[in-house]
Structures are given as structure tokens and as C-alpha cells.
Amino acid sequence: MTVPRTTASSALNPTADDVLFRAIGLVGTPYVWGGNTPTSGFDCSGLITYVYQDAAGIRLPRTTAQMVQMKGQRVSRNELRSGDLVFFSTASHGRVSHAGIYVGNGRFVHAPSSGGTVRLDHLDNRYWNKAYLTAKRVLNGHTLVAHP
């Protein structure tokens, strides 16, 4: 697994680095619906709330529907930065039903489905590209790490 490198202009940002590395460090943790710790496993929103609380001390809403509605800067797909939340509609209703943490280089960490594990995926993957809805920036521009 390759971890994206920070650029020289943003290399000394500990909060963004903590979020990025904490999320990547949980790859392989089992998916468990309603799970919100490394020992109990994670669902997608449980993973996000755990990472942000543990790595940045930021308390986020528990569900993807609440996360997408929270205050925060919406981000266009071509302006994603590490730490941004990415939202998907994995059902045909067009409402948010899944989320992950963008880590850079077109990849995001998420807890995808029952029987699976936390993993890295590409936004350009056919399935995720079709399901993509929007993104939101939780950390402000001074706290984010930009990746090439």
C-alpha cells in the first residue's frame, strides 16, 4: 500500500497527517453495521466519526445523512484534498447512503459492506464513479494536507 506524500508547502500539518494516517492505518478492520471502534469493527460513518474524533478531536454526526447536511464547505471533485469527506448514493434513490475519507491520488478509505473490511478504493472505479454525489471539507484550508 502506497501512502500519498505531502507537498513541500503543506508537509508540516500534523492534524491532516493524523487524519490521513489514522484512516489508512485502519485498512483491514472488519466491516460491522453500527460499528464504531477498531475492536468492534466499522460501518462507513462509524469509521469517519472514529478517525476524526481520535486523530483530530473533531466530533462529527454519526450518520452519513447527518454528515452531508452539516455545515462545512462543499468541495468540487477536482479540488479534493486529503481529509475531505466523499459521499455516495449506493442505492437508486439518489440520497447519500455511503461515505469515505479522501486520502489523495484519487483514492479514499471506507468501510464498504457487510462481510468486507475497511479498504482503499479509487474514486474513478466504475462503481464509485457512478455512485459519487458530493464532497465536504471538515478541516479548513490551513489544516489540510494537499497531495499531488
C-alpha atoms as a PDB file:
ATOM      1  CA  MET A   1       0.000   0.000   0.000  1.00  0.00           C
ATOM      2  CA  THR A   2       1.428   3.376  -1.011  1.00  0.00           C
ATOM      3  CA  VAL A   3       0.790   6.342   1.249  1.00  0.00           C
ATOM      4  CA  PRO A   4       0.495   9.640  -0.635  1.00  0.00           C
ATOM      5  CA  ARG A   5       3.332  12.049   0.134  1.00  0.00           C
ATOM      6  CA  THR A   6       2.760  15.587   1.304  1.00  0.00           C
ATOM      7  CA  THR A   7       3.899  18.512  -0.798  1.00  0.00           C
ATOM      8  CA  ALA A   8       6.632  20.803   0.493  1.00  0.00           C
ATOM      9  CA  SER A   9       4.180  23.660   1.079  1.00  0.00           C
ATOM     10  CA  SER A  10       1.993  21.580   3.379  1.00  0.00           C
ATOM     11  CA  ALA A  11       4.326  18.986   4.859  1.00  0.00           C
ATOM     12  CA  LEU A  12       4.153  20.229   8.441  1.00  0.00           C
ATOM     13  CA  ASN A  13       0.450  19.900   9.114  1.00  0.00           C
ATOM     14  CA  PRO A  14       0.011  17.411  11.951  1.00  0.00           C
ATOM     15  CA  THR A  15      -3.824  17.401  12.069  1.00  0.00           C
ATOM     16  CA  ALA A  16      -4.270  16.498   8.418  1.00  0.00           C
ATOM     17  CA  ASP A  17      -1.447  13.981   8.599  1.00  0.00           C
ATOM     18  CA  ASP A  18      -3.026  12.415  11.682  1.00  0.00           C
ATOM     19  CA  VAL A  19      -6.397  12.019   9.918  1.00  0.00           C
ATOM     20  CA  LEU A  20      -4.775  10.606   6.800  1.00  0.00           C
ATOM     21  CA  PHE A  21      -2.540   8.112   8.574  1.00  0.00           C
ATOM     22  CA  ARG A  22      -5.176   7.065  11.115  1.00  0.00           C
ATOM     23  CA  ALA A  23      -7.650   6.297   8.313  1.00  0.00           C
ATOM     24  CA  ILE A  24      -5.098   4.347   6.275  1.00  0.00           C
ATOM     25  CA  GLY A  25      -3.966   2.519   9.409  1.00  0.00           C
ATOM     26  CA  LEU A  26      -7.466   1.079   9.835  1.00  0.00           C
ATOM     27  CA  VAL A  27      -7.449  -0.651   6.434  1.00  0.00           C
ATOM     28  CA  GLY A  28      -8.282  -4.303   7.032  1.00  0.00           C
ATOM     29  CA  THR A  29     -10.562  -3.689  10.035  1.00  0.00           C
ATOM     30  CA  PRO A  30     -13.764  -5.737   9.627  1.00  0.00           C
ATOM     31  CA  TYR A  31     -16.988  -4.111   8.461  1.00  0.00           C
ATOM     32  CA  VAL A  32     -19.709  -4.310  11.130  1.00  0.00           C
ATOM     33  CA  TRP A  33     -23.010  -2.496  10.733  1.00  0.00           C
ATOM     34  CA  GLY A  34     -23.211   0.065  13.543  1.00  0.00           C
ATOM     35  CA  GLY A  35     -19.553  -0.487  14.428  1.00  0.00           C
ATOM     36  CA  ASN A  36     -17.510   2.494  15.533  1.00  0.00           C
ATOM     37  CA  THR A  37     -14.218   1.246  17.015  1.00  0.00           C
ATOM     38  CA  PRO A  38     -11.263  -0.780  15.749  1.00  0.00           C
ATOM     39  CA  THR A  39     -12.119  -3.594  18.158  1.00  0.00           C
ATOM     40  CA  SER A  40     -15.819  -3.770  17.255  1.00  0.00           C
ATOM     41  CA  GLY A  41     -15.323  -3.042  13.542  1.00  0.00           C
ATOM     42  CA  PHE A  42     -16.734  -0.186  11.499  1.00  0.00           C
ATOM     43  CA  ASP A  43     -19.542   0.817   9.232  1.00  0.00           C
ATOM     44  CA  CYS A  44     -18.797   3.757   6.919  1.00  0.00           C
ATOM     45  CA  SER A  45     -19.979   6.544   9.217  1.00  0.00           C
ATOM     46  CA  GLY A  46     -18.522   4.843  12.288  1.00  0.00           C
ATOM     47  CA  LEU A  47     -15.121   4.817  10.602  1.00  0.00           C
ATOM     48  CA  ILE A  48     -15.343   8.520   9.784  1.00  0.00           C
ATOM     49  CA  THR A  49     -16.523   9.593  13.241  1.00  0.00           C
ATOM     50  CA  TYR A  50     -13.844   7.471  14.908  1.00  0.00           C
ATOM     51  CA  VAL A  51     -10.996   8.800  12.747  1.00  0.00           C
ATOM     52  CA  TYR A  52     -11.957  12.448  13.184  1.00  0.00           C
ATOM     53  CA  GLN A  53     -12.501  12.132  16.945  1.00  0.00           C
ATOM     54  CA  ASP A  54      -9.348  10.077  17.507  1.00  0.00           C
ATOM     55  CA  ALA A  55      -6.960  11.893  15.159  1.00  0.00           C
ATOM     56  CA  ALA A  56      -8.263  15.466  15.214  1.00  0.00           C
ATOM     57  CA  GLY A  57     -10.520  15.763  18.261  1.00  0.00           C
ATOM     58  CA  ILE A  58     -13.435  16.676  15.977  1.00  0.00           C
ATOM     59  CA  ARG A  59     -16.844  15.245  16.801  1.00  0.00           C
ATOM     60  CA  LEU A  60     -18.927  14.567  13.683  1.00  0.00           C
ATOM     61  CA  PRO A  61     -22.541  13.446  13.301  1.00  0.00           C
ATOM     62  CA  ARG A  62     -22.995   9.673  13.390  1.00  0.00           C
ATOM     63  CA  THR A  63     -24.851   9.056  10.114  1.00  0.00           C
ATOM     64  CA  THR A  64     -23.956   9.843   6.512  1.00  0.00           C
ATOM     65  CA  ALA A  65     -27.256  11.723   6.099  1.00  0.00           C
ATOM     66  CA  GLN A  66     -26.361  13.965   9.041  1.00  0.00           C
ATOM     67  CA  MET A  67     -22.785  14.423   7.798  1.00  0.00           C
ATOM     68  CA  VAL A  68     -23.835  15.574   4.351  1.00  0.00           C
ATOM     69  CA  GLN A  69     -26.220  18.104   5.970  1.00  0.00           C
ATOM     70  CA  MET A  70     -23.713  19.524   8.479  1.00  0.00           C
ATOM     71  CA  LYS A  71     -22.201  22.944   7.955  1.00  0.00           C
ATOM     72  CA  GLY A  72     -19.000  22.900   6.013  1.00  0.00           C
ATOM     73  CA  GLN A  73     -17.546  23.760   2.673  1.00  0.00           C
ATOM     74  CA  ARG A  74     -18.758  21.701  -0.262  1.00  0.00           C
ATOM     75  CA  VAL A  75     -15.847  20.754  -2.466  1.00  0.00           C
ATOM     76  CA  SER A  76     -15.825  20.015  -6.181  1.00  0.00           C
ATOM     77  CA  ARG A  77     -14.382  16.681  -7.160  1.00  0.00           C
ATOM     78  CA  ASN A  78     -11.383  18.232  -8.894  1.00  0.00           C
ATOM     79  CA  GLU A  79     -10.482  20.192  -5.726  1.00  0.00           C
ATOM     80  CA  LEU A  80     -10.494  17.292  -3.251  1.00  0.00           C
ATOM     81  CA  ARG A  81      -7.821  17.294  -0.568  1.00  0.00           C
ATOM     82  CA  SER A  82      -6.800  14.689   1.945  1.00  0.00           C
ATOM     83  CA  GLY A  83      -9.300  14.584   4.790  1.00  0.00           C
ATOM     84  CA  ASP A  84     -12.315  15.650   2.734  1.00  0.00           C
ATOM     85  CA  LEU A  85     -15.401  13.509   3.159  1.00  0.00           C
ATOM     86  CA  VAL A  86     -16.748  11.934  -0.033  1.00  0.00           C
ATOM     87  CA  PHE A  87     -20.411  10.909  -0.265  1.00  0.00           C
ATOM     88  CA  PHE A  88     -22.114   8.322  -2.427  1.00  0.00           C
ATOM     89  CA  SER A  89     -25.567   7.049  -3.281  1.00  0.00           C
ATOM     90  CA  THR A  90     -25.229   3.285  -3.469  1.00  0.00           C
ATOM     91  CA  ALA A  91     -28.966   2.778  -3.902  1.00  0.00           C
ATOM     92  CA  SER A  92     -31.152   4.018  -6.738  1.00  0.00           C
ATOM     93  CA  HIS A  93     -32.865   6.719  -4.633  1.00  0.00           C
ATOM     94  CA  GLY A  94     -30.148   9.364  -5.157  1.00  0.00           C
ATOM     95  CA  ARG A  95     -29.742  10.140  -1.436  1.00  0.00           C
ATOM     96  CA  VAL A  96     -26.483   9.715   0.425  1.00  0.00           C
ATOM     97  CA  SER A  97     -26.051   6.185   1.721  1.00  0.00           C
ATOM     98  CA  HIS A  98     -22.273   5.794   1.960  1.00  0.00           C
ATOM     99  CA  ALA A  99     -19.210   7.926   2.732  1.00  0.00           C
ATOM    100  CA  GLY A 100     -15.459   7.743   2.986  1.00  0.00           C
ATOM    101  CA  ILE A 101     -12.376   9.845   3.704  1.00  0.00           C
ATOM    102  CA  TYR A 102     -10.407  11.093   0.720  1.00  0.00           C
ATOM    103  CA  VAL A 103      -6.683  10.368   1.157  1.00  0.00           C
ATOM    104  CA  GLY A 104      -5.225  11.748  -2.082  1.00  0.00           C
ATOM    105  CA  ASN A 105      -4.253  10.483  -5.506  1.00  0.00           C
ATOM    106  CA  GLY A 106      -7.888   9.754  -6.374  1.00  0.00           C
ATOM    107  CA  ARG A 107      -8.283   7.283  -3.500  1.00  0.00           C
ATOM    108  CA  PHE A 108     -10.466   7.133  -0.423  1.00  0.00           C
ATOM    109  CA  VAL A 109     -10.710   4.963   2.705  1.00  0.00           C
ATOM    110  CA  HIS A 110     -14.089   3.496   3.592  1.00  0.00           C
ATOM    111  CA  ALA A 111     -15.895   0.595   5.218  1.00  0.00           C
ATOM    112  CA  PRO A 112     -17.797  -0.728   2.195  1.00  0.00           C
ATOM    113  CA  SER A 113     -20.093  -3.605   3.054  1.00  0.00           C
ATOM    114  CA  SER A 114     -21.109  -6.433   5.268  1.00  0.00           C
ATOM    115  CA  GLY A 115     -18.548  -9.218   5.197  1.00  0.00           C
ATOM    116  CA  GLY A 116     -15.831  -6.852   3.941  1.00  0.00           C
ATOM    117  CA  THR A 117     -13.120  -4.805   5.567  1.00  0.00           C
ATOM    118  CA  VAL A 118     -12.054  -1.163   5.645  1.00  0.00           C
ATOM    119  CA  ARG A 119     -10.190  -0.576   2.407  1.00  0.00           C
ATOM    120  CA  LEU A 120      -8.775   1.916  -0.068  1.00  0.00           C
ATOM    121  CA  ASP A 121     -10.625   2.379  -3.350  1.00  0.00           C
ATOM    122  CA  HIS A 122     -10.338   4.668  -6.361  1.00  0.00           C
ATOM    123  CA  LEU A 123     -12.991   7.313  -6.986  1.00  0.00           C
ATOM    124  CA  ASP A 124     -12.616   6.532 -10.692  1.00  0.00           C
ATOM    125  CA  ASN A 125     -13.615   2.906 -10.153  1.00  0.00           C
ATOM    126  CA  ARG A 126     -16.714   2.359 -12.289  1.00  0.00           C
ATOM    127  CA  TYR A 127     -18.996   1.624  -9.316  1.00  0.00           C
ATOM    128  CA  TRP A 128     -17.831   4.528  -7.112  1.00  0.00           C
ATOM    129  CA  ASN A 129     -17.678   6.968 -10.011  1.00  0.00           C
ATOM    130  CA  LYS A 130     -21.326   6.276 -10.821  1.00  0.00           C
ATOM    131  CA  ALA A 131     -22.408   6.469  -7.149  1.00  0.00           C
ATOM    132  CA  TYR A 132     -20.457   9.654  -6.315  1.00  0.00           C
ATOM    133  CA  LEU A 133     -22.633  12.537  -5.042  1.00  0.00           C
ATOM    134  CA  THR A 134     -20.561  15.266  -3.413  1.00  0.00           C
ATOM    135  CA  ALA A 135     -17.727  16.066  -1.020  1.00  0.00           C
ATOM    136  CA  LYS A 136     -17.391  18.184   2.082  1.00  0.00           C
ATOM    137  CA  ARG A 137     -14.362  19.718   3.759  1.00  0.00           C
ATOM    138  CA  VAL A 138     -14.266  19.201   7.518  1.00  0.00           C
ATOM    139  CA  LEU A 139     -10.802  20.606   8.114  1.00  0.00           C
ATOM    140  CA  ASN A 140     -10.242  24.158   6.907  1.00  0.00           C
ATOM    141  CA  GLY A 141      -7.661  25.015   4.297  1.00  0.00           C
ATOM    142  CA  HIS A 142      -4.992  25.695   6.901  1.00  0.00           C
ATOM    143  CA  THR A 143      -5.340  22.247   8.384  1.00  0.00           C
ATOM    144  CA  LEU A 144      -5.468  20.135   5.253  1.00  0.00           C
ATOM    145  CA  VAL A 145      -2.563  18.451   3.567  1.00  0.00           C
ATOM    146  CA  ALA A 146      -2.575  18.800  -0.220  1.00  0.00           C
ATOM    147  CA  HIS A 147      -1.293  15.840  -2.209  1.00  0.00           C
ATOM    148  CA  PRO A 148      -0.033  15.778  -5.773  1.00  0.00           C
END
